[in-house]
Amino acid sequence: MKILVVDDHPLIMEDIADELKEITPDATVIGVSNPLEVPALCDEHHFDVIFMDIDMPGENGLDLAKKILGKYPRTNIIYITGYEQYALDSYSTWASGFLVKPVSTERLKEAMNNLRHPVSGITKKMVEEQYSGSSAIGGRIRMYREKRAMSRNEFAEHMSVSVQSVYRWESGERIPDVISLMEMARILGVNMNQLTGIDE
């Protein structure tokens, strides 16, 4: 998850960014005090959530949000402001939230738990750890094959593939496609969750 905090008061921006780093330790959190920097940052990072101040010099947060949503419509905009009168205007951009300063940790958590466009908790790092190198799936294929006392050659025959393909799957060099995984599960007498470790 990528989060941007925009507030022309640097101390407020830093406080909210620090709180968000605590709340979402796996997220990338960036803070900026100059709203004119925001469009370029959005193009570079494609943020999932933006905490946006409204009353800022040089660029009104509501207008800035409309520009961002015009390009990236699934961005969650959560307004942060000291002026409650902006609440009604904020919903014209289908905001995910509206927080009045000072913003408490509980309100930040509540806002993150009620995003208009939910963001997956699966990170790129988690995917890489699951599938690359000596992949967890590859290790499970080998483990269940050996439990069935099946050689690599025998397994390759059952799968109608080369022994080299089996080796690549088991070593994590290649990730089997879904059809191959289903066939492996059938041959090895396990279910897909056991084979992929999805329940762990």
N, C-alpha and C. Protein backbone atom coordinates (compact mmCIF):
# COMPACT_ATOMS: atom_id res chain seq x y z
N MET A 1 0.84 -1.19 0.00
CA MET A 1 0.00 0.00 0.00
C MET A 1 0.88 1.24 0.00
N LYS A 2 0.46 2.25 -0.77
CA LYS A 2 1.19 3.51 -0.83
C LYS A 2 0.28 4.64 -0.36
N ILE A 3 0.79 5.43 0.59
CA ILE A 3 0.00 6.50 1.20
C ILE A 3 0.74 7.82 1.06
N LEU A 4 0.01 8.87 0.69
CA LEU A 4 0.56 10.22 0.61
C LEU A 4 -0.17 11.11 1.61
N VAL A 5 0.60 11.92 2.32
CA VAL A 5 0.02 12.91 3.24
C VAL A 5 0.38 14.29 2.71
N VAL A 6 -0.65 15.12 2.47
CA VAL A 6 -0.44 16.46 1.92
C VAL A 6 -0.99 17.49 2.91
N ASP A 7 -0.10 18.30 3.45
CA ASP A 7 -0.52 19.38 4.36
C ASP A 7 0.54 20.47 4.30
N ASP A 8 0.09 21.72 4.14
CA ASP A 8 1.07 22.80 4.00
C ASP A 8 1.76 23.16 5.32
N HIS A 9 1.31 22.56 6.43
CA HIS A 9 2.01 22.73 7.71
C HIS A 9 2.91 21.51 7.92
N PRO A 10 4.21 21.67 7.77
CA PRO A 10 5.13 20.51 7.82
C PRO A 10 5.01 19.68 9.09
N LEU A 11 4.82 20.32 10.25
CA LEU A 11 4.75 19.56 11.49
C LEU A 11 3.50 18.68 11.53
N ILE A 12 2.38 19.20 11.06
CA ILE A 12 1.14 18.40 11.01
C ILE A 12 1.32 17.25 10.03
N MET A 13 1.90 17.56 8.87
CA MET A 13 2.14 16.52 7.86
C MET A 13 3.01 15.40 8.43
N GLU A 14 4.09 15.78 9.12
CA GLU A 14 5.02 14.79 9.67
C GLU A 14 4.36 13.96 10.77
N ASP A 15 3.55 14.61 11.61
CA ASP A 15 2.86 13.88 12.69
C ASP A 15 1.91 12.83 12.12
N ILE A 16 1.13 13.21 11.11
CA ILE A 16 0.17 12.27 10.52
C ILE A 16 0.92 11.15 9.80
N ALA A 17 1.97 11.50 9.08
CA ALA A 17 2.76 10.47 8.38
C ALA A 17 3.36 9.48 9.37
N ASP A 18 3.88 9.98 10.49
CA ASP A 18 4.47 9.10 11.51
C ASP A 18 3.41 8.17 12.11
N GLU A 19 2.22 8.71 12.36
CA GLU A 19 1.13 7.90 12.91
C GLU A 19 0.76 6.79 11.92
N LEU A 20 0.68 7.14 10.64
CA LEU A 20 0.31 6.16 9.62
C LEU A 20 1.36 5.06 9.47
N LYS A 21 2.62 5.42 9.66
CA LYS A 21 3.68 4.41 9.61
C LYS A 21 3.53 3.40 10.74
N GLU A 22 3.04 3.86 11.89
CA GLU A 22 2.79 2.97 13.01
C GLU A 22 1.57 2.09 12.75
N ILE A 23 0.52 2.70 12.19
CA ILE A 23 -0.73 1.99 11.95
C ILE A 23 -0.58 0.96 10.82
N THR A 24 0.16 1.34 9.77
CA THR A 24 0.33 0.47 8.60
C THR A 24 1.82 0.25 8.34
N PRO A 25 2.48 -0.58 9.15
CA PRO A 25 3.94 -0.74 9.04
C PRO A 25 4.44 -1.27 7.71
N ASP A 26 3.58 -1.96 6.96
CA ASP A 26 4.00 -2.49 5.65
C ASP A 26 3.80 -1.51 4.51
N ALA A 27 3.18 -0.36 4.81
CA ALA A 27 2.89 0.63 3.76
C ALA A 27 4.07 1.56 3.52
N THR A 28 4.12 2.12 2.32
CA THR A 28 5.05 3.20 2.00
C THR A 28 4.31 4.50 2.25
N VAL A 29 4.82 5.32 3.17
CA VAL A 29 4.15 6.58 3.52
C VAL A 29 5.06 7.74 3.15
N ILE A 30 4.54 8.65 2.32
CA ILE A 30 5.30 9.82 1.89
C ILE A 30 4.52 11.06 2.30
N GLY A 31 5.23 12.07 2.80
CA GLY A 31 4.59 13.33 3.19
C GLY A 31 5.14 14.48 2.37
N VAL A 32 4.28 15.45 2.06
CA VAL A 32 4.70 16.62 1.29
C VAL A 32 3.93 17.84 1.78
N SER A 33 4.62 18.98 1.82
CA SER A 33 3.99 20.22 2.26
C SER A 33 3.64 21.15 1.12
N ASN A 34 4.19 20.91 -0.05
CA ASN A 34 3.91 21.74 -1.21
C ASN A 34 2.92 21.02 -2.12
N PRO A 35 1.67 21.49 -2.18
CA PRO A 35 0.67 20.79 -3.00
C PRO A 35 1.01 20.75 -4.49
N LEU A 36 1.86 21.66 -4.95
CA LEU A 36 2.23 21.67 -6.36
C LEU A 36 3.08 20.46 -6.75
N GLU A 37 3.65 19.79 -5.75
CA GLU A 37 4.46 18.59 -6.00
C GLU A 37 3.60 17.32 -6.16
N VAL A 38 2.34 17.42 -5.78
CA VAL A 38 1.49 16.23 -5.70
C VAL A 38 1.25 15.53 -7.04
N PRO A 39 0.89 16.23 -8.13
CA PRO A 39 0.63 15.52 -9.39
C PRO A 39 1.79 14.65 -9.86
N ALA A 40 3.00 15.18 -9.77
CA ALA A 40 4.17 14.40 -10.21
C ALA A 40 4.38 13.19 -9.30
N LEU A 41 4.17 13.36 -8.00
CA LEU A 41 4.31 12.24 -7.06
C LEU A 41 3.28 11.15 -7.35
N CYS A 42 2.06 11.57 -7.69
CA CYS A 42 1.01 10.60 -8.01
C CYS A 42 1.35 9.81 -9.27
N ASP A 43 1.92 10.49 -10.26
CA ASP A 43 2.33 9.80 -11.49
C ASP A 43 3.44 8.79 -11.21
N GLU A 44 4.30 9.13 -10.26
CA GLU A 44 5.44 8.26 -9.95
C GLU A 44 5.04 7.08 -9.09
N HIS A 45 4.17 7.31 -8.10
CA HIS A 45 3.90 6.27 -7.10
C HIS A 45 2.52 5.61 -7.19
N HIS A 46 1.54 6.22 -7.86
CA HIS A 46 0.18 5.67 -7.94
C HIS A 46 -0.33 5.32 -6.54
N PHE A 47 -0.55 6.31 -5.73
CA PHE A 47 -0.94 6.12 -4.33
C PHE A 47 -2.31 5.46 -4.21
N ASP A 48 -2.43 4.60 -3.18
CA ASP A 48 -3.71 3.98 -2.87
C ASP A 48 -4.58 4.91 -2.02
N VAL A 49 -3.92 5.66 -1.13
CA VAL A 49 -4.63 6.55 -0.21
C VAL A 49 -3.89 7.89 -0.14
N ILE A 50 -4.66 8.98 -0.19
CA ILE A 50 -4.07 10.31 -0.02
C ILE A 50 -4.83 11.05 1.08
N PHE A 51 -4.10 11.45 2.12
CA PHE A 51 -4.66 12.31 3.16
C PHE A 51 -4.40 13.74 2.71
N MET A 52 -5.46 14.47 2.43
CA MET A 52 -5.36 15.76 1.75
C MET A 52 -5.89 16.91 2.61
N ASP A 53 -5.01 17.87 2.91
CA ASP A 53 -5.47 19.11 3.52
C ASP A 53 -6.30 19.86 2.47
N ILE A 54 -7.21 20.71 2.91
CA ILE A 54 -8.08 21.41 1.95
C ILE A 54 -7.62 22.84 1.72
N ASP A 55 -7.46 23.59 2.78
CA ASP A 55 -7.12 25.02 2.66
C ASP A 55 -5.60 25.17 2.61
N MET A 56 -5.06 25.22 1.39
CA MET A 56 -3.61 25.32 1.21
C MET A 56 -3.29 26.43 0.21
N PRO A 57 -2.19 27.15 0.41
CA PRO A 57 -1.81 28.19 -0.55
C PRO A 57 -1.35 27.58 -1.86
N GLY A 58 -1.77 28.18 -2.95
CA GLY A 58 -1.32 27.71 -4.27
C GLY A 58 -2.23 26.69 -4.89
N GLU A 59 -2.89 25.86 -4.08
CA GLU A 59 -3.76 24.81 -4.63
C GLU A 59 -4.75 24.37 -3.56
N ASN A 60 -6.04 24.52 -3.86
CA ASN A 60 -7.08 24.06 -2.95
C ASN A 60 -7.13 22.54 -3.00
N GLY A 61 -7.19 21.90 -1.82
CA GLY A 61 -7.18 20.44 -1.76
C GLY A 61 -8.32 19.77 -2.50
N LEU A 62 -9.50 20.42 -2.50
CA LEU A 62 -10.65 19.86 -3.23
C LEU A 62 -10.38 19.84 -4.74
N ASP A 63 -9.84 20.94 -5.25
CA ASP A 63 -9.54 21.01 -6.69
C ASP A 63 -8.43 20.03 -7.06
N LEU A 64 -7.45 19.92 -6.17
CA LEU A 64 -6.34 18.99 -6.42
C LEU A 64 -6.84 17.55 -6.43
N ALA A 65 -7.73 17.23 -5.52
CA ALA A 65 -8.29 15.87 -5.47
C ALA A 65 -9.04 15.54 -6.75
N LYS A 66 -9.80 16.51 -7.27
CA LYS A 66 -10.55 16.28 -8.52
C LYS A 66 -9.61 15.97 -9.68
N LYS A 67 -8.47 16.68 -9.71
CA LYS A 67 -7.48 16.41 -10.77
C LYS A 67 -6.92 14.99 -10.64
N ILE A 68 -6.59 14.62 -9.41
CA ILE A 68 -6.02 13.28 -9.17
C ILE A 68 -7.03 12.20 -9.54
N LEU A 69 -8.27 12.36 -9.08
CA LEU A 69 -9.30 11.36 -9.35
C LEU A 69 -9.65 11.27 -10.83
N GLY A 70 -9.48 12.38 -11.55
CA GLY A 70 -9.71 12.35 -12.99
C GLY A 70 -8.73 11.43 -13.70
N LYS A 71 -7.55 11.29 -13.13
CA LYS A 71 -6.51 10.44 -13.72
C LYS A 71 -6.44 9.07 -13.05
N TYR A 72 -6.64 9.05 -11.74
CA TYR A 72 -6.56 7.81 -10.96
C TYR A 72 -7.82 7.68 -10.11
N PRO A 73 -8.93 7.24 -10.72
CA PRO A 73 -10.23 7.27 -10.05
C PRO A 73 -10.38 6.36 -8.83
N ARG A 74 -9.50 5.38 -8.67
CA ARG A 74 -9.62 4.48 -7.51
C ARG A 74 -8.75 4.93 -6.33
N THR A 75 -8.25 6.14 -6.39
CA THR A 75 -7.49 6.68 -5.26
C THR A 75 -8.44 7.02 -4.13
N ASN A 76 -8.11 6.59 -2.92
CA ASN A 76 -8.90 6.94 -1.75
C ASN A 76 -8.44 8.31 -1.24
N ILE A 77 -9.32 9.29 -1.30
CA ILE A 77 -9.01 10.62 -0.78
C ILE A 77 -9.64 10.78 0.60
N ILE A 78 -8.82 11.08 1.59
CA ILE A 78 -9.31 11.35 2.95
C ILE A 78 -8.90 12.78 3.29
N TYR A 79 -9.87 13.64 3.44
CA TYR A 79 -9.57 15.05 3.71
C TYR A 79 -9.24 15.27 5.18
N ILE A 80 -8.25 16.12 5.42
CA ILE A 80 -7.88 16.53 6.77
C ILE A 80 -7.91 18.06 6.79
N THR A 81 -8.69 18.63 7.67
CA THR A 81 -8.83 20.08 7.67
C THR A 81 -9.25 20.59 9.05
N GLY A 82 -9.01 21.85 9.27
CA GLY A 82 -9.44 22.48 10.51
C GLY A 82 -10.79 23.16 10.36
N TYR A 83 -11.39 23.03 9.17
CA TYR A 83 -12.64 23.75 8.88
C TYR A 83 -13.76 22.77 8.53
N GLU A 84 -14.69 22.60 9.46
CA GLU A 84 -15.78 21.65 9.26
C GLU A 84 -16.70 22.03 8.11
N GLN A 85 -16.73 23.32 7.75
CA GLN A 85 -17.65 23.75 6.68
C GLN A 85 -17.30 23.14 5.33
N TYR A 86 -16.10 22.55 5.21
CA TYR A 86 -15.74 21.92 3.94
C TYR A 86 -16.33 20.52 3.79
N ALA A 87 -16.95 20.01 4.84
CA ALA A 87 -17.41 18.61 4.83
C ALA A 87 -18.33 18.31 3.65
N LEU A 88 -19.33 19.14 3.43
CA LEU A 88 -20.28 18.89 2.36
C LEU A 88 -19.60 18.92 0.99
N ASP A 89 -18.72 19.93 0.77
CA ASP A 89 -18.01 20.02 -0.50
C ASP A 89 -17.13 18.79 -0.74
N SER A 90 -16.57 18.25 0.33
CA SER A 90 -15.64 17.12 0.18
C SER A 90 -16.33 15.91 -0.43
N TYR A 91 -17.59 15.72 -0.15
CA TYR A 91 -18.28 14.53 -0.65
C TYR A 91 -18.63 14.63 -2.13
N SER A 92 -18.45 15.81 -2.72
CA SER A 92 -18.65 15.93 -4.17
C SER A 92 -17.55 15.18 -4.93
N THR A 93 -16.47 14.85 -4.25
CA THR A 93 -15.39 14.07 -4.87
C THR A 93 -15.45 12.60 -4.42
N TRP A 94 -16.56 12.20 -3.80
CA TRP A 94 -16.73 10.83 -3.33
C TRP A 94 -15.56 10.44 -2.43
N ALA A 95 -15.31 11.28 -1.43
CA ALA A 95 -14.19 11.06 -0.52
C ALA A 95 -14.36 9.80 0.30
N SER A 96 -13.23 9.21 0.69
CA SER A 96 -13.26 8.05 1.58
C SER A 96 -13.41 8.48 3.04
N GLY A 97 -13.13 9.75 3.32
CA GLY A 97 -13.26 10.21 4.69
C GLY A 97 -13.03 11.70 4.82
N PHE A 98 -13.42 12.22 5.98
CA PHE A 98 -13.26 13.65 6.28
C PHE A 98 -12.87 13.75 7.75
N LEU A 99 -11.66 14.18 8.02
CA LEU A 99 -11.16 14.26 9.39
C LEU A 99 -10.87 15.71 9.77
N VAL A 100 -11.35 16.10 10.95
CA VAL A 100 -11.12 17.46 11.43
C VAL A 100 -9.91 17.46 12.35
N LYS A 101 -8.99 18.40 12.10
CA LYS A 101 -7.80 18.52 12.94
C LYS A 101 -8.19 19.02 14.33
N PRO A 102 -7.44 18.62 15.37
CA PRO A 102 -6.35 17.64 15.33
C PRO A 102 -6.88 16.23 15.14
N VAL A 103 -6.14 15.44 14.36
CA VAL A 103 -6.58 14.09 14.00
C VAL A 103 -5.98 13.08 14.98
N SER A 104 -6.85 12.31 15.62
CA SER A 104 -6.39 11.31 16.59
C SER A 104 -5.98 10.02 15.88
N THR A 105 -5.22 9.20 16.58
CA THR A 105 -4.81 7.90 16.05
C THR A 105 -6.02 7.03 15.75
N GLU A 106 -7.00 7.09 16.64
CA GLU A 106 -8.21 6.27 16.46
C GLU A 106 -8.96 6.66 15.19
N ARG A 107 -9.03 7.98 14.92
CA ARG A 107 -9.73 8.43 13.72
C ARG A 107 -8.97 8.01 12.46
N LEU A 108 -7.64 8.04 12.53
CA LEU A 108 -6.84 7.58 11.39
C LEU A 108 -7.08 6.10 11.12
N LYS A 109 -7.09 5.29 12.19
CA LYS A 109 -7.34 3.85 12.05
C LYS A 109 -8.72 3.61 11.45
N GLU A 110 -9.70 4.35 11.95
CA GLU A 110 -11.07 4.20 11.47
C GLU A 110 -11.16 4.54 9.97
N ALA A 111 -10.47 5.60 9.58
CA ALA A 111 -10.47 6.00 8.17
C ALA A 111 -9.82 4.93 7.30
N MET A 112 -8.72 4.37 7.76
CA MET A 112 -8.03 3.33 6.99
C MET A 112 -8.84 2.04 6.90
N ASN A 113 -9.68 1.80 7.90
CA ASN A 113 -10.50 0.58 7.91
C ASN A 113 -11.79 0.73 7.09
N ASN A 114 -12.07 1.94 6.62
CA ASN A 114 -13.32 2.17 5.90
C ASN A 114 -13.08 2.88 4.56
N LEU A 115 -12.09 2.40 3.83
CA LEU A 115 -11.77 3.01 2.54
C LEU A 115 -12.86 2.71 1.52
N ARG A 116 -13.15 3.70 0.69
CA ARG A 116 -14.15 3.51 -0.38
C ARG A 116 -13.68 2.43 -1.35
N HIS A 117 -12.38 2.44 -1.65
CA HIS A 117 -11.79 1.43 -2.53
C HIS A 117 -10.79 0.63 -1.70
N PRO A 118 -11.21 -0.52 -1.13
CA PRO A 118 -10.31 -1.30 -0.27
C PRO A 118 -9.01 -1.66 -0.98
N VAL A 119 -7.94 -1.69 -0.20
CA VAL A 119 -6.61 -1.99 -0.73
C VAL A 119 -6.16 -3.32 -0.16
N SER A 120 -5.68 -4.20 -1.02
CA SER A 120 -5.22 -5.51 -0.58
C SER A 120 -4.05 -5.38 0.38
N GLY A 121 -4.04 -6.26 1.38
CA GLY A 121 -2.92 -6.29 2.32
C GLY A 121 -1.74 -7.09 1.79
N ILE A 122 -1.91 -7.67 0.62
CA ILE A 122 -0.82 -8.46 0.03
C ILE A 122 0.19 -7.51 -0.60
N THR A 123 1.41 -7.57 -0.14
CA THR A 123 2.45 -6.69 -0.66
C THR A 123 3.29 -7.41 -1.72
N LYS A 124 3.99 -6.63 -2.50
CA LYS A 124 4.87 -7.20 -3.53
C LYS A 124 5.93 -8.08 -2.87
N LYS A 125 6.42 -7.66 -1.70
CA LYS A 125 7.43 -8.43 -1.00
C LYS A 125 6.88 -9.80 -0.59
N MET A 126 5.62 -9.83 -0.14
CA MET A 126 5.00 -11.10 0.25
C MET A 126 4.91 -12.05 -0.93
N VAL A 127 4.54 -11.51 -2.10
CA VAL A 127 4.44 -12.33 -3.30
C VAL A 127 5.81 -12.88 -3.68
N GLU A 128 6.83 -12.00 -3.63
CA GLU A 128 8.18 -12.42 -3.99
C GLU A 128 8.68 -13.52 -3.05
N GLU A 129 8.41 -13.36 -1.74
CA GLU A 129 8.86 -14.36 -0.78
C GLU A 129 8.15 -15.69 -0.97
N GLN A 130 6.88 -15.63 -1.40
CA GLN A 130 6.11 -16.85 -1.58
C GLN A 130 6.53 -17.62 -2.82
N TYR A 131 6.90 -16.91 -3.89
CA TYR A 131 7.07 -17.57 -5.17
C TYR A 131 8.49 -17.62 -5.72
N SER A 132 9.40 -16.81 -5.21
CA SER A 132 10.72 -16.76 -5.84
C SER A 132 11.74 -17.63 -5.10
N GLY A 133 12.88 -17.85 -5.76
CA GLY A 133 13.95 -18.64 -5.15
C GLY A 133 13.47 -20.04 -4.83
N SER A 134 13.79 -20.51 -3.62
CA SER A 134 13.32 -21.83 -3.19
C SER A 134 11.89 -21.64 -2.70
N SER A 135 10.96 -21.48 -3.63
CA SER A 135 9.61 -21.05 -3.31
C SER A 135 8.89 -22.01 -2.38
N ALA A 136 7.97 -21.45 -1.60
CA ALA A 136 7.18 -22.26 -0.68
C ALA A 136 6.38 -23.30 -1.45
N ILE A 137 5.82 -22.91 -2.58
CA ILE A 137 5.05 -23.86 -3.39
C ILE A 137 5.96 -24.96 -3.92
N GLY A 138 7.14 -24.57 -4.41
CA GLY A 138 8.08 -25.57 -4.91
C GLY A 138 8.46 -26.57 -3.84
N GLY A 139 8.69 -26.07 -2.63
CA GLY A 139 9.03 -26.95 -1.51
C GLY A 139 7.89 -27.90 -1.17
N ARG A 140 6.65 -27.42 -1.29
CA ARG A 140 5.50 -28.28 -1.00
C ARG A 140 5.30 -29.34 -2.08
N ILE A 141 5.54 -28.96 -3.33
CA ILE A 141 5.43 -29.96 -4.41
C ILE A 141 6.40 -31.10 -4.13
N ARG A 142 7.64 -30.74 -3.81
CA ARG A 142 8.66 -31.76 -3.54
C ARG A 142 8.27 -32.59 -2.30
N MET A 143 7.81 -31.91 -1.24
CA MET A 143 7.46 -32.61 0.00
C MET A 143 6.36 -33.64 -0.23
N TYR A 144 5.27 -33.22 -0.92
CA TYR A 144 4.17 -34.15 -1.15
C TYR A 144 4.54 -35.25 -2.14
N ARG A 145 5.38 -34.93 -3.11
CA ARG A 145 5.85 -35.96 -4.05
C ARG A 145 6.64 -37.02 -3.29
N GLU A 146 7.55 -36.58 -2.41
CA GLU A 146 8.38 -37.52 -1.65
C GLU A 146 7.53 -38.32 -0.65
N LYS A 147 6.49 -37.69 -0.08
CA LYS A 147 5.60 -38.41 0.84
C LYS A 147 4.90 -39.57 0.14
N ARG A 148 4.66 -39.39 -1.15
CA ARG A 148 4.01 -40.44 -1.93
C ARG A 148 5.04 -41.42 -2.51
N ALA A 149 6.30 -41.22 -2.11
CA ALA A 149 7.39 -42.09 -2.58
C ALA A 149 7.43 -42.12 -4.11
N MET A 150 7.24 -40.94 -4.68
CA MET A 150 7.21 -40.82 -6.14
C MET A 150 8.50 -40.12 -6.60
N SER A 151 9.19 -40.72 -7.55
CA SER A 151 10.42 -40.08 -8.06
C SER A 151 10.05 -38.90 -8.94
N ARG A 152 11.03 -38.08 -9.22
CA ARG A 152 10.80 -36.94 -10.11
C ARG A 152 10.37 -37.42 -11.50
N ASN A 153 11.01 -38.52 -11.95
CA ASN A 153 10.65 -39.08 -13.27
C ASN A 153 9.19 -39.54 -13.30
N GLU A 154 8.78 -40.21 -12.22
CA GLU A 154 7.40 -40.71 -12.17
C GLU A 154 6.40 -39.55 -12.14
N PHE A 155 6.73 -38.55 -11.35
CA PHE A 155 5.85 -37.39 -11.25
C PHE A 155 5.74 -36.67 -12.60
N ALA A 156 6.88 -36.57 -13.29
CA ALA A 156 6.90 -35.93 -14.61
C ALA A 156 6.02 -36.69 -15.59
N GLU A 157 6.06 -38.03 -15.51
CA GLU A 157 5.21 -38.85 -16.39
C GLU A 157 3.74 -38.61 -16.11
N HIS A 158 3.37 -38.60 -14.82
CA HIS A 158 1.98 -38.36 -14.44
C HIS A 158 1.51 -36.98 -14.90
N MET A 159 2.42 -36.02 -14.88
CA MET A 159 2.08 -34.65 -15.25
C MET A 159 2.18 -34.42 -16.75
N SER A 160 2.75 -35.39 -17.47
CA SER A 160 2.99 -35.27 -18.92
C SER A 160 3.88 -34.08 -19.24
N VAL A 161 4.94 -33.92 -18.41
CA VAL A 161 5.93 -32.86 -18.63
C VAL A 161 7.32 -33.47 -18.53
N SER A 162 8.33 -32.67 -18.82
CA SER A 162 9.71 -33.15 -18.71
C SER A 162 10.16 -33.13 -17.25
N VAL A 163 11.17 -33.94 -16.95
CA VAL A 163 11.76 -33.96 -15.61
C VAL A 163 12.32 -32.58 -15.28
N GLN A 164 12.84 -31.90 -16.31
CA GLN A 164 13.39 -30.56 -16.11
C GLN A 164 12.31 -29.58 -15.63
N SER A 165 11.09 -29.72 -16.15
CA SER A 165 10.00 -28.86 -15.71
C SER A 165 9.70 -29.08 -14.23
N VAL A 166 9.69 -30.35 -13.82
CA VAL A 166 9.44 -30.66 -12.40
C VAL A 166 10.54 -30.05 -11.54
N TYR A 167 11.79 -30.20 -11.99
CA TYR A 167 12.91 -29.63 -11.23
C TYR A 167 12.74 -28.11 -11.09
N ARG A 168 12.36 -27.44 -12.17
CA ARG A 168 12.20 -25.98 -12.12
C ARG A 168 11.08 -25.57 -11.19
N TRP A 169 9.97 -26.35 -11.17
CA TRP A 169 8.90 -26.05 -10.23
C TRP A 169 9.37 -26.20 -8.79
N GLU A 170 10.04 -27.31 -8.53
CA GLU A 170 10.45 -27.61 -7.15
C GLU A 170 11.54 -26.67 -6.65
N SER A 171 12.37 -26.19 -7.54
CA SER A 171 13.46 -25.30 -7.13
C SER A 171 13.01 -23.84 -7.06
N GLY A 172 11.80 -23.55 -7.59
CA GLY A 172 11.30 -22.18 -7.57
C GLY A 172 11.72 -21.36 -8.77
N GLU A 173 12.36 -22.00 -9.74
CA GLU A 173 12.76 -21.27 -10.95
C GLU A 173 11.55 -20.87 -11.78
N ARG A 174 10.51 -21.71 -11.71
CA ARG A 174 9.27 -21.42 -12.44
C ARG A 174 8.08 -21.64 -11.53
N ILE A 175 7.01 -20.86 -11.76
CA ILE A 175 5.79 -21.00 -10.99
C ILE A 175 4.77 -21.75 -11.85
N PRO A 176 4.22 -22.86 -11.35
CA PRO A 176 3.22 -23.59 -12.14
C PRO A 176 1.97 -22.73 -12.35
N ASP A 177 1.33 -22.92 -13.51
CA ASP A 177 0.07 -22.21 -13.72
C ASP A 177 -1.05 -22.92 -12.94
N VAL A 178 -2.22 -22.31 -12.89
CA VAL A 178 -3.31 -22.83 -12.07
C VAL A 178 -3.73 -24.23 -12.50
N ILE A 179 -3.81 -24.47 -13.81
CA ILE A 179 -4.21 -25.79 -14.30
C ILE A 179 -3.21 -26.85 -13.86
N SER A 180 -1.92 -26.52 -13.96
CA SER A 180 -0.88 -27.46 -13.53
C SER A 180 -0.98 -27.73 -12.03
N LEU A 181 -1.24 -26.68 -11.24
CA LEU A 181 -1.37 -26.86 -9.79
C LEU A 181 -2.55 -27.77 -9.45
N MET A 182 -3.66 -27.61 -10.17
CA MET A 182 -4.82 -28.46 -9.93
C MET A 182 -4.51 -29.92 -10.25
N GLU A 183 -3.78 -30.13 -11.33
CA GLU A 183 -3.40 -31.49 -11.71
C GLU A 183 -2.43 -32.09 -10.70
N MET A 184 -1.48 -31.28 -10.23
CA MET A 184 -0.54 -31.74 -9.19
C MET A 184 -1.28 -32.16 -7.93
N ALA A 185 -2.24 -31.32 -7.50
CA ALA A 185 -3.00 -31.61 -6.29
C ALA A 185 -3.73 -32.95 -6.44
N ARG A 186 -4.30 -33.19 -7.62
CA ARG A 186 -5.00 -34.46 -7.88
C ARG A 186 -4.04 -35.64 -7.80
N ILE A 187 -2.89 -35.52 -8.47
CA ILE A 187 -1.91 -36.61 -8.51
C ILE A 187 -1.32 -36.88 -7.12
N LEU A 188 -1.07 -35.82 -6.36
CA LEU A 188 -0.43 -35.96 -5.05
C LEU A 188 -1.43 -36.22 -3.93
N GLY A 189 -2.72 -36.17 -4.23
CA GLY A 189 -3.74 -36.48 -3.24
C GLY A 189 -3.87 -35.43 -2.15
N VAL A 190 -3.69 -34.16 -2.53
CA VAL A 190 -3.85 -33.06 -1.57
C VAL A 190 -4.79 -32.04 -2.18
N ASN A 191 -5.21 -31.06 -1.36
CA ASN A 191 -6.03 -30.00 -1.92
C ASN A 191 -5.16 -28.79 -2.29
N MET A 192 -5.74 -27.84 -2.98
CA MET A 192 -4.98 -26.68 -3.45
C MET A 192 -4.42 -25.85 -2.30
N ASN A 193 -5.16 -25.76 -1.22
CA ASN A 193 -4.68 -24.98 -0.07
C ASN A 193 -3.44 -25.61 0.53
N GLN A 194 -3.43 -26.94 0.62
CA GLN A 194 -2.23 -27.62 1.13
C GLN A 194 -1.03 -27.38 0.23
N LEU A 195 -1.28 -27.45 -1.06
CA LEU A 195 -0.19 -27.31 -2.03
C LEU A 195 0.38 -25.91 -2.05
N THR A 196 -0.48 -24.91 -1.92
CA THR A 196 -0.02 -23.52 -2.01
C THR A 196 0.30 -22.91 -0.65
N GLY A 197 -0.13 -23.58 0.44
CA GLY A 197 0.10 -23.01 1.77
C GLY A 197 -0.77 -21.83 2.07
N ILE A 198 -1.90 -21.72 1.39
CA ILE A 198 -2.74 -20.53 1.51
C ILE A 198 -3.37 -20.39 2.89
N ASP A 199 -3.50 -21.49 3.63
CA ASP A 199 -4.11 -21.43 4.96
C ASP A 199 -3.11 -21.08 6.05
N GLU A 200 -1.82 -21.01 5.71
CA GLU A 200 -0.80 -20.78 6.74
C GLU A 200 -0.58 -19.31 6.99
